[in-house]
Amino acid sequence: SEVDVPIVAVDTKSQAGYGDIVFTVSGGDASVVSEIEPMPVDVAIVGIVHSLSFNEKSKG
């Protein structure tokens, strides 16, 4: 999805907080992230970005 476009996503682990940068999956992959049973969701959080790094050459 696009950067800085807000979406609503399910967080089955309840670990992401407001403003966190997260990894998401969508579609059929999102419906099976629950360890209990498939859920009727479109987008699910599967990870949290804890740090970012880049070098000056990657700015373009």
Protein backbone atom coordinates (compact mmCIF):
# COMPACT_ATOMS: atom_id res chain seq x y z
CA SER A 1 0.00 0.00 0.00
CA GLU A 2 1.00 3.63 -0.21
CA VAL A 3 3.14 5.30 2.43
CA ASP A 4 1.36 7.64 4.84
CA VAL A 5 -2.12 6.45 3.84
CA PRO A 6 -3.94 5.37 7.01
CA ILE A 7 -5.62 1.95 7.02
CA VAL A 8 -7.37 -0.15 9.64
CA ALA A 9 -5.57 -3.43 10.36
CA VAL A 10 -6.16 -6.23 12.86
CA ASP A 11 -3.36 -6.80 15.39
CA THR A 12 -3.91 -10.33 16.71
CA LYS A 13 -0.96 -10.04 19.13
CA SER A 14 -2.02 -6.59 20.45
CA GLN A 15 1.57 -5.33 20.34
CA ALA A 16 1.52 -2.44 17.86
CA GLY A 17 0.87 1.05 19.16
CA TYR A 18 -0.40 4.27 17.66
CA GLY A 19 2.14 5.67 15.21
CA ASP A 20 4.20 2.45 14.96
CA ILE A 21 5.54 1.45 11.57
CA VAL A 22 4.28 -2.07 10.87
CA PHE A 23 4.42 -4.87 8.31
CA THR A 24 1.00 -5.94 7.03
CA VAL A 25 -0.56 -8.62 4.86
CA SER A 26 -3.84 -8.34 3.02
CA GLY A 27 -6.45 -10.46 1.31
CA GLY A 28 -6.50 -14.19 2.00
CA ASP A 29 -3.21 -14.00 3.91
CA ALA A 30 -4.77 -11.58 6.41
CA SER A 31 -7.65 -13.92 7.17
CA VAL A 32 -5.38 -16.71 8.42
CA VAL A 33 -3.02 -14.85 10.79
CA SER A 34 -5.01 -15.86 13.87
CA GLU A 35 -3.73 -18.97 15.64
CA ILE A 36 -7.30 -19.85 16.67
CA GLU A 37 -9.39 -19.64 13.50
CA PRO A 38 -9.67 -17.73 10.20
CA MET A 39 -11.04 -14.20 10.59
CA PRO A 40 -13.05 -12.02 8.18
CA VAL A 41 -10.43 -9.25 7.84
CA ASP A 42 -8.83 -7.44 4.90
CA VAL A 43 -5.54 -6.32 6.49
CA ALA A 44 -3.56 -7.78 9.41
CA ILE A 45 -0.39 -6.69 11.20
CA VAL A 46 2.35 -9.35 11.12
CA GLY A 47 5.35 -7.40 12.42
CA ILE A 48 6.60 -4.16 13.92
CA VAL A 49 9.56 -2.16 12.56
CA HIS A 50 11.85 -1.45 15.52
CA SER A 51 14.54 0.50 13.68
CA LEU A 52 15.37 1.88 10.24
CA SER A 53 18.75 2.75 8.80
CA PHE A 54 19.94 3.99 5.45
CA ASN A 55 23.02 5.55 3.94
CA GLU A 56 23.25 8.87 2.13
CA LYS A 57 23.72 7.12 -1.25
CA SER A 58 20.28 5.50 -1.00
CA LYS A 59 18.47 8.85 -0.93
CA GLY A 60 18.57 9.12 -4.75
